[in-house]
Amino acid sequence: MELKTNSLIRFTENYKEFSKRIEKQKIIYYETKFTGLLLGYNSLQNIIKIFNRKEASDYNIFDILNIKGAETKTHTPFLCNLLNPEGTHG
């Protein structure tokens, strides 16, 4: 009986060690995969950032002047007046 108990204890310990090794291997595998994915994502983000800076797609003068949302009250009447040959600008 003692032999069976010792064998069962050894089996359980070996299984625990085996499980730990498998978990470590899984972690290394997924870490490698996600590291590559993250590097690709960061590279893509840098390309988008350069493109947006070059194209100035996020540039908004009204945001800079802190009047974003008020452009219909500010620049629209100004442009209408400026483009009107009968405007006050003479």
Protein backbone atom coordinates (compact mmCIF):
# COMPACT_ATOMS: atom_id res chain seq x y z
CA MET A 1 0.00 0.00 0.00
CA GLU A 2 2.84 2.34 0.85
CA LEU A 3 4.34 1.77 -2.61
CA LYS A 4 1.09 2.83 -4.27
CA THR A 5 0.89 5.93 -2.07
CA ASN A 6 4.47 6.92 -2.89
CA SER A 7 3.82 6.34 -6.60
CA LEU A 8 0.70 8.47 -6.44
CA ILE A 9 2.57 11.26 -4.64
CA ARG A 10 5.40 11.16 -7.22
CA PHE A 11 2.87 11.15 -10.06
CA THR A 12 1.07 14.16 -8.57
CA GLU A 13 4.34 16.09 -8.10
CA ASN A 14 5.47 15.23 -11.64
CA TYR A 15 2.12 16.32 -13.00
CA LYS A 16 2.36 19.66 -11.17
CA GLU A 17 5.84 20.25 -12.60
CA PHE A 18 4.65 19.27 -16.06
CA SER A 19 1.70 21.66 -15.77
CA LYS A 20 4.03 24.50 -14.73
CA ARG A 21 6.29 23.86 -17.74
CA ILE A 22 3.31 23.83 -20.10
CA GLU A 23 2.00 27.10 -18.63
CA LYS A 24 5.42 28.74 -19.03
CA GLN A 25 5.58 27.57 -22.64
CA LYS A 26 2.11 28.99 -23.30
CA ILE A 27 3.09 32.32 -21.76
CA ILE A 28 6.25 32.52 -23.86
CA TYR A 29 4.32 31.58 -27.02
CA TYR A 30 1.58 34.18 -26.54
CA GLU A 31 4.00 36.82 -25.33
CA THR A 32 5.97 36.39 -28.57
CA LYS A 33 2.80 36.59 -30.68
CA PHE A 34 1.44 39.65 -28.87
CA THR A 35 4.81 41.40 -28.91
CA GLY A 36 4.85 41.15 -32.70
CA LEU A 37 1.28 42.36 -32.89
CA LEU A 38 2.04 45.28 -30.58
CA LEU A 39 5.10 46.26 -32.61
CA GLY A 40 3.01 46.19 -35.78
CA TYR A 41 0.30 48.28 -34.13
CA ASN A 42 2.82 50.86 -32.86
CA SER A 43 4.41 51.05 -36.30
CA LEU A 44 1.00 51.62 -37.88
CA GLN A 45 0.19 54.30 -35.29
CA ASN A 46 3.43 56.11 -36.16
CA ILE A 47 2.61 55.98 -39.88
CA ILE A 48 -0.87 57.38 -39.19
CA LYS A 49 0.61 60.12 -37.00
CA ILE A 50 3.06 61.15 -39.75
CA PHE A 51 0.28 61.09 -42.35
CA ASN A 52 -2.05 63.20 -40.19
CA ARG A 53 0.72 65.69 -39.47
CA LYS A 54 1.57 65.92 -43.17
CA GLU A 55 -2.07 66.28 -44.26
CA ALA A 56 -3.05 68.44 -41.24
CA SER A 57 -6.37 66.62 -41.15
CA ASP A 58 -6.84 67.41 -37.45
CA TYR A 59 -5.97 71.09 -37.78
CA ASN A 60 -8.78 73.41 -36.79
CA ILE A 61 -8.01 77.10 -36.35
CA PHE A 62 -11.18 77.54 -34.30
CA ASP A 63 -10.03 74.89 -31.86
CA ILE A 64 -6.72 76.73 -31.48
CA LEU A 65 -8.52 80.03 -30.91
CA ASN A 66 -10.70 78.31 -28.31
CA ILE A 67 -13.90 79.10 -30.20
CA LYS A 68 -14.62 75.64 -31.59
CA GLY A 69 -18.34 75.25 -32.05
CA ALA A 70 -18.83 78.98 -32.47
CA GLU A 71 -17.57 79.11 -36.07
CA THR A 72 -21.09 79.57 -37.41
CA LYS A 73 -21.34 82.73 -35.32
CA THR A 74 -17.85 84.01 -36.11
CA HIS A 75 -16.30 83.04 -39.40
CA THR A 76 -19.46 82.39 -41.44
CA PRO A 77 -20.73 85.99 -41.16
CA PHE A 78 -17.18 87.24 -41.74
CA LEU A 79 -16.80 85.18 -44.93
CA CYS A 80 -20.26 86.20 -46.14
CA ASN A 81 -19.41 89.85 -45.68
CA LEU A 82 -15.98 89.48 -47.24
CA LEU A 83 -17.33 87.67 -50.31
CA ASN A 84 -20.27 90.04 -50.73
CA PRO A 85 -19.43 92.79 -53.25
CA GLU A 86 -21.85 95.00 -51.30
CA GLY A 87 -20.19 94.14 -47.98
CA THR A 88 -18.99 96.71 -45.45
CA HIS A 89 -15.37 96.23 -46.49
CA GLY A 90 -15.88 98.57 -49.42
